[in-house]
Amino acid sequence: MSKSQHKGKELPPLSVIHAARAGDAEAMDRILRYYEGYINKLSTRKFRDEFGRSYDCLDEYMKRRLEIKLIHSIVTMS
């Protein structure tokens, strides 16, 4: 059987998701690393300095909130 992929990236196995749901910190870390690029993209904001130049910066607060929401959704899955 071929491994499941999404956009060329191998999806985490279902066993890892079940382990994360059961409280395995390593499995949860593996899932967070899988989604890290997507979370970073969602958390990137444009900021302007006093001279009007814009910069793309990672909003750490938003990144942590999204990670917490992902963890919460995995733990409370039914």
Protein backbone atom coordinates (compact mmCIF):
# COMPACT_ATOMS: atom_id res chain seq x y z
CA MET A 1 0.00 0.00 0.00
CA SER A 2 1.35 3.45 -0.85
CA LYS A 3 1.83 6.06 1.85
CA SER A 4 -0.62 8.95 1.96
CA GLN A 5 0.79 12.28 0.85
CA HIS A 6 -0.46 15.82 0.74
CA LYS A 7 1.35 18.27 -1.55
CA GLY A 8 4.34 15.95 -1.72
CA LYS A 9 4.65 15.68 2.04
CA GLU A 10 4.01 12.35 3.75
CA LEU A 11 1.06 12.55 6.14
CA PRO A 12 1.58 11.44 9.74
CA PRO A 13 0.33 7.88 10.26
CA LEU A 14 -2.93 7.38 12.09
CA SER A 15 -1.03 5.60 14.86
CA VAL A 16 0.87 8.84 15.58
CA ILE A 17 -2.40 10.76 15.84
CA HIS A 18 -3.83 8.16 18.22
CA ALA A 19 -0.65 8.27 20.32
CA ALA A 20 -0.80 12.08 20.48
CA ARG A 21 -4.43 11.86 21.53
CA ALA A 22 -3.42 9.45 24.30
CA GLY A 23 -0.90 11.99 25.62
CA ASP A 24 2.36 10.98 23.94
CA ALA A 25 4.40 14.21 23.82
CA GLU A 26 6.72 12.92 21.09
CA ALA A 27 3.78 12.07 18.82
CA MET A 28 2.25 15.50 19.45
CA ASP A 29 5.58 17.13 18.59
CA ARG A 30 5.70 15.13 15.36
CA ILE A 31 2.25 16.43 14.38
CA LEU A 32 3.19 20.01 15.29
CA ARG A 33 6.33 19.73 13.15
CA TYR A 34 4.23 18.44 10.24
CA TYR A 35 1.98 21.51 10.40
CA GLU A 36 4.73 23.99 11.31
CA GLY A 37 5.08 25.45 7.80
CA TYR A 38 1.34 25.99 7.44
CA ILE A 39 1.07 27.52 10.92
CA ASN A 40 4.01 29.83 10.15
CA LYS A 41 2.36 30.93 6.92
CA LEU A 42 -0.90 31.70 8.73
CA SER A 43 1.01 33.56 11.47
CA THR A 44 3.05 35.81 9.17
CA ARG A 45 1.99 39.43 9.30
CA LYS A 46 3.05 42.59 7.49
CA PHE A 47 4.43 45.24 9.80
CA ARG A 48 5.47 48.78 8.94
CA ASP A 49 8.28 50.75 10.50
CA GLU A 50 8.27 54.48 11.17
CA PHE A 51 9.55 55.12 7.62
CA GLY A 52 6.67 53.26 5.97
CA ARG A 53 8.70 50.21 4.90
CA SER A 54 6.82 46.94 5.27
CA TYR A 55 8.28 43.74 6.65
CA ASP A 56 6.96 40.22 6.88
CA CYS A 57 7.29 39.03 10.47
CA LEU A 58 6.18 35.93 12.28
CA ASP A 59 3.59 36.77 14.91
CA GLU A 60 4.71 34.45 17.73
CA TYR A 61 1.54 35.03 19.73
CA MET A 62 -0.65 33.94 16.81
CA LYS A 63 1.62 30.96 16.13
CA ARG A 64 1.26 29.74 19.73
CA ARG A 65 -2.51 30.22 19.62
CA LEU A 66 -2.78 28.12 16.45
CA GLU A 67 -0.57 25.40 17.95
CA ILE A 68 -2.73 25.34 21.08
CA LYS A 69 -5.89 25.08 18.97
CA LEU A 70 -4.37 22.17 17.03
CA ILE A 71 -3.37 20.39 20.24
CA HIS A 72 -6.81 20.99 21.72
CA SER A 73 -8.55 19.61 18.64
CA ILE A 74 -6.39 16.46 18.70
CA VAL A 75 -6.90 15.84 22.43
CA THR A 76 -10.67 16.39 22.31
CA MET A 77 -11.26 14.35 19.12
CA SER A 78 -14.10 11.91 19.38
